[in-house]
Structures are given as structure tokens and as C-alpha cells.
N, C-alpha and C. Protein backbone atom coordinates (compact mmCIF):
# COMPACT_ATOMS: atom_id res chain seq x y z
N MET A 1 74.03 89.98 89.49
CA MET A 1 75.20 91.69 88.83
C MET A 1 75.86 91.30 88.90
N GLU A 2 75.75 92.28 87.92
CA GLU A 2 77.42 93.48 86.34
C GLU A 2 77.60 93.41 86.88
N PHE A 3 79.31 93.09 86.60
CA PHE A 3 79.86 94.13 86.14
C PHE A 3 80.81 95.28 85.36
N ALA A 4 80.74 96.28 85.47
CA ALA A 4 81.13 97.31 84.97
C ALA A 4 82.00 98.65 85.08
N PHE A 5 82.98 98.44 83.59
CA PHE A 5 84.03 99.01 84.32
C PHE A 5 83.06 100.48 84.14
N PRO A 6 84.11 101.17 85.28
CA PRO A 6 84.20 102.72 85.66
C PRO A 6 85.07 103.87 84.35
N TRP A 7 84.30 104.21 83.14
CA TRP A 7 85.39 105.20 83.08
C TRP A 7 85.08 106.11 83.36
N PRO A 8 85.72 106.62 83.44
CA PRO A 8 85.88 108.27 83.97
C PRO A 8 84.85 108.98 82.96
N PHE A 9 84.43 109.99 83.72
CA PHE A 9 83.40 110.69 82.30
C PHE A 9 83.83 112.49 83.26
N SER A 10 84.07 113.62 83.89
CA SER A 10 84.35 114.64 83.73
C SER A 10 86.01 115.02 84.15
N GLN A 11 86.49 115.97 84.35
CA GLN A 11 87.84 116.45 84.93
C GLN A 11 87.92 115.44 85.28
N GLY A 12 87.38 115.82 87.32
CA GLY A 12 88.27 115.32 88.16
C GLY A 12 88.24 113.77 88.13
N GLU A 13 87.31 113.23 87.47
CA GLU A 13 87.69 111.66 87.40
C GLU A 13 88.47 111.44 86.76
N TRP A 14 89.28 111.56 85.51
CA TRP A 14 90.36 112.07 84.62
C TRP A 14 91.27 112.25 85.89
N LEU A 15 91.74 113.58 86.32
CA LEU A 15 92.98 113.80 86.72
C LEU A 15 92.94 112.40 87.77
N ALA A 16 91.51 112.04 89.00
CA ALA A 16 91.96 111.14 89.50
C ALA A 16 92.61 109.73 89.13
N TRP A 17 92.00 109.29 87.79
CA TRP A 17 92.27 107.90 87.16
C TRP A 17 93.76 108.25 86.96
N SER A 18 93.97 109.15 86.18
CA SER A 18 95.34 109.13 85.95
C SER A 18 96.23 109.29 86.50
N SER A 19 96.01 109.39 87.84
CA SER A 19 97.06 109.22 89.25
C SER A 19 97.20 107.53 89.34
N ALA A 20 96.32 107.41 89.09
CA ALA A 20 95.65 105.51 89.83
C ALA A 20 96.78 105.21 88.99
N VAL A 21 96.20 105.24 87.11
CA VAL A 21 97.52 104.70 86.27
C VAL A 21 98.63 104.72 86.17
N VAL A 22 99.64 106.40 86.20
CA VAL A 22 100.60 106.24 86.91
C VAL A 22 101.33 105.43 88.35
N THR A 23 100.32 105.51 88.92
CA THR A 23 100.84 104.50 89.81
C THR A 23 101.20 103.06 89.38
N VAL A 24 100.07 103.02 88.40
CA VAL A 24 99.68 101.25 88.66
C VAL A 24 101.22 100.74 86.80
N LEU A 25 101.57 101.93 86.42
CA LEU A 25 102.67 101.98 85.90
C LEU A 25 104.10 101.49 87.03
N PHE A 26 103.86 102.39 87.81
CA PHE A 26 104.69 101.75 88.81
C PHE A 26 105.23 101.18 89.20
N GLY A 27 104.02 100.40 89.49
CA GLY A 27 104.11 99.00 90.05
C GLY A 27 104.11 97.69 89.92
N LEU A 28 103.21 97.96 87.61
CA LEU A 28 104.78 97.36 86.76
C LEU A 28 105.63 97.27 86.70
N ILE A 29 106.56 97.96 86.33
CA ILE A 29 107.79 98.39 86.30
C ILE A 29 107.72 97.32 87.78
N LEU A 30 108.19 98.23 88.76
CA LEU A 30 109.13 97.22 90.49
C LEU A 30 108.79 95.81 89.82
N PHE A 31 107.19 95.68 89.33
CA PHE A 31 106.71 94.38 89.68
C PHE A 31 108.53 93.26 88.39
N PHE A 32 107.80 93.88 87.14
CA PHE A 32 108.50 93.18 85.85
C PHE A 32 109.67 93.33 85.52
N ALA A 33 110.69 94.66 86.32
CA ALA A 33 111.94 95.49 86.25
C ALA A 33 112.64 95.47 87.13
N PRO A 34 113.32 94.58 88.47
CA PRO A 34 112.84 95.63 90.13
C PRO A 34 114.11 95.15 90.15
N GLY A 35 115.57 95.38 89.34
CA GLY A 35 116.56 96.05 89.11
C GLY A 35 116.90 97.21 88.41
N LEU A 36 116.11 97.26 87.49
CA LEU A 36 116.17 98.55 86.89
C LEU A 36 115.22 99.69 87.97
N SER A 37 114.02 99.39 88.65
CA SER A 37 113.58 100.17 89.39
C SER A 37 114.09 100.66 90.48
N LEU A 38 114.48 99.26 91.38
CA LEU A 38 116.14 100.01 92.00
C LEU A 38 116.93 100.93 91.66
N ARG A 39 117.66 100.50 90.03
CA ARG A 39 118.85 101.61 89.65
C ARG A 39 118.20 102.63 89.24
N ILE A 40 117.00 103.31 89.13
CA ILE A 40 116.56 104.41 88.54
C ILE A 40 115.69 104.89 89.92
N LEU A 41 115.68 104.17 91.44
CA LEU A 41 115.23 105.01 92.55
C LEU A 41 116.63 105.70 93.04
N ARG A 42 118.32 104.95 92.52
CA ARG A 42 119.10 105.35 93.19
C ARG A 42 119.58 104.67 94.31
N LEU A 43 119.59 102.17 94.26
CA LEU A 43 119.54 101.97 95.03
C LEU A 43 120.53 101.08 94.75
N GLN A 44 120.83 99.80 95.29
CA GLN A 44 121.52 98.54 95.25
C GLN A 44 122.24 97.62 95.45
N THR A 45 121.43 96.17 94.54
CA THR A 45 120.77 95.67 95.17
C THR A 45 123.27 94.32 95.10
N THR A 46 122.77 93.93 96.59
CA THR A 46 124.13 93.36 96.51
C THR A 46 124.02 92.10 96.59
N PRO A 47 124.91 91.03 96.07
CA PRO A 47 125.35 88.90 95.11
C PRO A 47 124.85 88.85 96.16
N GLU A 48 125.43 89.19 97.89
CA GLU A 48 125.19 88.16 98.83
C GLU A 48 123.97 88.50 99.49
N HIS A 49 123.12 89.50 99.27
CA HIS A 49 121.03 89.17 99.34
C HIS A 49 120.48 89.64 98.22
N PRO A 50 119.83 88.67 97.60
CA PRO A 50 118.91 88.85 96.08
C PRO A 50 117.61 89.01 96.50
N GLU A 51 117.53 88.78 98.17
CA GLU A 51 116.34 88.82 98.69
C GLU A 51 115.35 89.89 98.22
N ALA A 52 117.01 91.40 98.17
CA ALA A 52 115.86 92.89 97.41
C ALA A 52 114.73 93.19 96.41
N LEU A 53 115.86 92.31 95.75
CA LEU A 53 114.50 91.80 94.15
C LEU A 53 113.13 91.67 94.41
N ALA A 54 112.98 90.87 95.60
CA ALA A 54 111.84 90.79 95.83
C ALA A 54 110.96 91.25 96.52
N GLU A 55 111.54 92.45 97.70
CA GLU A 55 111.75 93.28 98.38
C GLU A 55 110.56 94.11 96.97
N ALA A 56 111.44 94.20 96.54
CA ALA A 56 111.15 95.35 95.11
C ALA A 56 110.00 94.65 94.04
N ARG A 57 109.52 93.30 94.39
CA ARG A 57 108.83 92.79 93.56
C ARG A 57 107.60 92.55 93.98
N ALA A 58 108.00 91.96 95.62
CA ALA A 58 106.46 92.05 96.96
C ALA A 58 105.30 93.55 96.98
N THR A 59 107.13 94.25 98.04
CA THR A 59 106.09 94.66 98.87
C THR A 59 106.32 96.41 97.92
N MET A 60 106.93 96.72 97.15
CA MET A 60 106.48 97.56 96.78
C MET A 60 105.75 97.40 95.09
N SER A 61 105.46 96.90 94.92
CA SER A 61 104.63 97.20 93.68
C SER A 61 103.54 96.48 93.89
N GLY A 62 103.71 95.30 94.96
CA GLY A 62 102.50 95.57 95.61
C GLY A 62 101.72 96.48 96.03
N PHE A 63 102.16 96.75 97.06
CA PHE A 63 101.49 98.59 97.48
C PHE A 63 100.66 99.36 95.69
N TYR A 64 101.91 99.84 94.61
CA TYR A 64 101.55 99.86 93.66
C TYR A 64 100.27 100.77 93.29
N LEU A 65 100.46 98.58 92.90
CA LEU A 65 98.95 97.33 92.12
C LEU A 65 98.29 97.58 92.26
N GLY A 66 98.25 97.42 94.02
CA GLY A 66 96.76 96.74 94.97
C GLY A 66 96.26 98.21 94.80
N LEU A 67 96.64 99.13 95.39
CA LEU A 67 95.44 100.34 95.54
C LEU A 67 95.43 101.36 93.91
N GLY A 68 96.49 101.02 93.51
CA GLY A 68 96.53 102.04 91.62
C GLY A 68 95.18 100.97 91.58
N LEU A 69 94.88 100.10 91.28
CA LEU A 69 94.37 99.26 90.13
C LEU A 69 92.41 99.25 91.09
N THR A 70 92.63 98.72 92.50
CA THR A 70 91.51 98.72 93.21
C THR A 70 90.85 100.32 92.88
N CYS A 71 91.23 102.13 92.85
CA CYS A 71 91.08 102.56 92.14
C CYS A 71 90.04 102.36 91.12
N ILE A 72 90.92 101.41 90.06
CA ILE A 72 90.89 101.87 88.55
C ILE A 72 89.37 101.91 88.34
N LEU A 73 89.93 100.40 89.33
CA LEU A 73 88.53 98.94 89.31
C LEU A 73 87.52 100.25 89.26
N PHE A 74 87.08 100.06 90.84
CA PHE A 74 85.67 100.83 91.37
C PHE A 74 85.74 102.48 91.80
N ALA A 75 86.54 103.31 91.47
CA ALA A 75 86.31 104.18 91.33
C ALA A 75 85.45 104.99 92.17
N GLN A 76 85.46 104.29 93.43
CA GLN A 76 85.00 105.33 94.49
C GLN A 76 85.90 106.56 95.39
N PRO A 77 85.49 107.75 95.76
CA PRO A 77 86.05 108.75 96.12
C PRO A 77 86.63 107.63 97.84
N MET A 78 86.13 107.21 98.31
CA MET A 78 88.04 107.51 99.23
C MET A 78 88.44 106.92 99.59
N LEU A 79 88.26 105.95 98.12
CA LEU A 79 89.96 105.20 97.20
C LEU A 79 90.12 106.11 96.63
N TYR A 80 89.82 106.37 96.27
CA TYR A 80 90.78 108.16 95.88
C TYR A 80 91.07 109.24 97.39
N ILE A 81 90.87 109.34 97.83
CA ILE A 81 91.05 110.29 98.74
C ILE A 81 92.62 108.97 99.14
N ALA A 82 92.52 107.88 99.85
CA ALA A 82 93.37 106.61 100.39
C ALA A 82 95.04 107.01 99.28
N LEU A 83 93.89 107.25 97.52
CA LEU A 83 95.28 107.02 96.64
C LEU A 83 96.01 107.57 96.81
N GLY A 84 95.37 109.59 97.23
CA GLY A 84 96.47 110.53 97.30
C GLY A 84 96.87 111.50 98.52
N ALA A 85 96.25 110.72 99.85
CA ALA A 85 96.71 110.22 101.06
C ALA A 85 98.38 110.00 101.08
N SER A 86 98.31 108.51 100.72
CA SER A 86 99.96 108.22 100.30
C SER A 86 100.42 108.35 99.62
N TRP A 87 100.42 109.66 98.43
CA TRP A 87 100.96 110.11 97.77
C TRP A 87 101.49 111.14 98.41
N ALA A 88 100.95 111.51 99.19
CA ALA A 88 100.90 113.05 99.26
C ALA A 88 102.21 111.84 101.09
N LEU A 89 101.93 111.40 102.45
CA LEU A 89 103.13 110.65 102.96
C LEU A 89 103.73 109.93 102.41
N THR A 90 104.33 109.97 100.95
CA THR A 90 105.09 110.25 100.66
C THR A 90 106.62 111.09 100.36
N ALA A 91 105.45 112.54 100.08
CA ALA A 91 105.77 113.63 99.22
C ALA A 91 106.80 113.78 100.93
N PHE A 92 105.41 113.85 101.84
CA PHE A 92 106.06 114.14 103.16
C PHE A 92 107.63 113.83 103.68
N GLY A 93 107.39 112.24 103.52
CA GLY A 93 108.76 111.39 103.68
C GLY A 93 109.54 111.92 103.34
N ARG A 94 109.44 112.31 101.98
CA ARG A 94 110.56 112.86 100.79
C ARG A 94 111.19 113.86 101.22
N LEU A 95 110.40 115.13 102.00
CA LEU A 95 110.66 115.61 102.40
C LEU A 95 111.51 115.55 103.68
N VAL A 96 110.85 115.58 104.72
CA VAL A 96 112.06 115.04 105.83
C VAL A 96 112.70 115.14 105.69
N SER A 97 113.41 114.04 104.79
CA SER A 97 114.74 113.08 104.29
C SER A 97 115.60 114.16 103.91
N MET A 98 115.10 115.20 102.55
CA MET A 98 116.12 116.14 102.70
C MET A 98 115.92 117.14 103.16
N MET A 99 115.35 117.45 103.94
CA MET A 99 115.77 118.21 105.16
C MET A 99 116.86 117.97 106.71
N SER A 100 116.57 116.35 107.07
CA SER A 100 117.21 116.05 107.73
C SER A 100 118.31 115.02 107.92
N ASP A 101 118.81 114.49 106.01
CA ASP A 101 119.14 113.97 105.68
C ASP A 101 120.38 114.42 104.98
N ARG A 102 120.44 115.03 105.08
CA ARG A 102 121.38 116.47 103.17
C ARG A 102 121.23 115.32 102.17
N GLY A 103 119.59 115.24 101.73
CA GLY A 103 119.22 115.12 100.21
C GLY A 103 118.26 116.75 99.70
N ASN A 104 118.93 117.67 99.65
CA ASN A 104 119.10 117.62 98.55
C ASN A 104 119.40 117.91 97.40
N THR A 105 118.14 117.50 96.61
CA THR A 105 119.00 116.55 95.24
C THR A 105 117.93 117.71 94.20
N LEU A 106 119.15 117.06 92.74
CA LEU A 106 117.60 117.52 90.74
C LEU A 106 117.05 116.16 91.72
N TYR A 107 117.17 115.38 92.30
CA TYR A 107 116.24 113.78 91.60
C TYR A 107 115.40 113.97 92.86
N ASN A 108 115.60 114.16 93.95
CA ASN A 108 114.74 114.57 94.48
C ASN A 108 113.36 115.35 94.78
N TRP A 109 114.49 116.78 93.77
CA TRP A 109 112.93 117.29 93.81
C TRP A 109 112.03 117.48 92.96
N ILE A 110 112.97 116.53 91.95
CA ILE A 110 111.43 116.35 90.63
C ILE A 110 110.40 115.53 91.36
N SER A 111 111.61 114.17 91.90
CA SER A 111 110.48 113.61 92.72
C SER A 111 109.52 113.60 93.46
N LEU A 112 109.78 115.13 94.89
CA LEU A 112 108.36 115.51 95.79
C LEU A 112 107.82 116.09 94.30
N THR A 113 108.21 116.43 93.44
CA THR A 113 106.94 117.25 92.96
C THR A 113 106.31 116.32 91.40
N LEU A 114 106.96 115.24 91.42
CA LEU A 114 105.96 114.28 90.96
C LEU A 114 104.62 113.91 92.05
N GLU A 115 105.64 113.40 93.38
CA GLU A 115 105.03 113.34 94.17
C GLU A 115 103.87 113.58 94.21
N ILE A 116 104.28 115.35 94.63
CA ILE A 116 102.82 116.63 95.27
C ILE A 116 102.06 115.60 94.18
N VAL A 117 101.80 115.56 92.60
CA VAL A 117 101.14 116.53 91.75
C VAL A 117 100.11 115.43 91.69
N LEU A 118 101.11 113.91 92.43
CA LEU A 118 100.20 112.44 91.57
C LEU A 118 98.72 112.43 93.06
N ALA A 119 100.03 112.77 94.48
CA ALA A 119 98.89 113.93 95.50
C ALA A 119 97.89 113.99 95.57
N ALA A 120 97.83 115.90 94.68
CA ALA A 120 96.84 116.29 94.14
C ALA A 120 95.59 116.18 93.65
N LEU A 121 96.37 114.87 92.29
CA LEU A 121 95.16 114.65 91.21
C LEU A 121 93.97 114.30 92.11
N PRO A 122 93.94 112.62 92.72
CA PRO A 122 92.75 111.78 93.24
C PRO A 122 92.49 113.23 94.44
N LEU A 123 92.74 113.87 95.26
CA LEU A 123 92.75 114.70 96.24
C LEU A 123 91.64 116.03 96.30
N ALA A 124 92.10 116.31 94.94
CA ALA A 124 91.11 117.51 94.11
C ALA A 124 89.38 116.79 94.46
N PHE A 125 89.94 115.35 93.44
CA PHE A 125 88.15 114.69 93.01
C PHE A 125 87.62 115.09 93.70
N ALA A 126 87.89 113.95 94.61
CA ALA A 126 88.03 113.26 96.45
C ALA A 126 86.60 114.72 96.46
N PHE A 127 87.26 115.41 96.88
CA PHE A 127 87.14 117.03 97.85
C PHE A 127 86.25 118.08 96.89
N GLY A 128 86.43 117.59 95.96
CA GLY A 128 84.98 118.56 95.07
C GLY A 128 85.40 119.55 94.51
N LEU A 129 87.48 119.32 94.37
CA LEU A 129 87.63 120.95 93.83
C LEU A 129 87.23 121.32 92.60
N VAL A 130 87.47 120.18 92.01
CA VAL A 130 87.65 119.80 89.87
C VAL A 130 86.69 118.77 90.30
N PRO A 131 85.34 119.55 89.49
CA PRO A 131 84.55 118.49 89.18
C PRO A 131 84.24 118.11 87.84
């Protein structure tokens, strides 16, 4: 059995693939620069809890890298649905936080917009909205 890299050909595949690549890039930044990543996310670690950096490297980057790389390497519609659903639920969580936690900030609006786009790209392809 031979493994061939599933390069995207159609416009829809490119959109879904792009969302997966951005997800992998977020994961790589979290993995290799957790301190910078936490500052970008407006989170702060304390010297008493160095395990907070391990949480960024392990839990946060692991999810992004695992799902993103799986989508890129296997390019299956069900994986793209999982990617889109994950980003959609991330956006939903941010929206709930904006409404209930007084998080109506420019940062949250920009992040919400990005998350909606990252959710829409793979879902549009997986559900056949973009050929």
C-alpha cells in the first residue's frame, strides 16, 4: 500500500485545507512558544505555577496539531466536519462569554470573526456548499 499526500484540487478542498493549515500553525505556535501564545491570548502565568506552560504545550497545542494534521494528511469529509464543528463550538463559547462575562471587547470580536471563518471553510466543503 502506498501513501500519497492528498493535495487539494477543488476550491472547496482548498478552503477546508486552509482552515486545517491555520489550525496547525496555531498549534505550532502554542507548542514552540507557549509564553508568547498565552500573552497573545491575554493570559498570564505565575512563577508559582510553571505547569501552566505545560498546559499550553500539551492540551492546547496537542488538540490543534492533532486535528489539523489529521485533516491535512487524510483529507476526509468527516474530519473536516470535526474541524468545522470544533471551531464553531469555539466561536459559540466565545459568544456566550461575550454575553455573560462582560467580554464585549474588540479582541473578542476579532477572535469570534476568525473562529467563524475557520469553522465555515471546512463545513462549506464537507456539506457540499462549495465544490
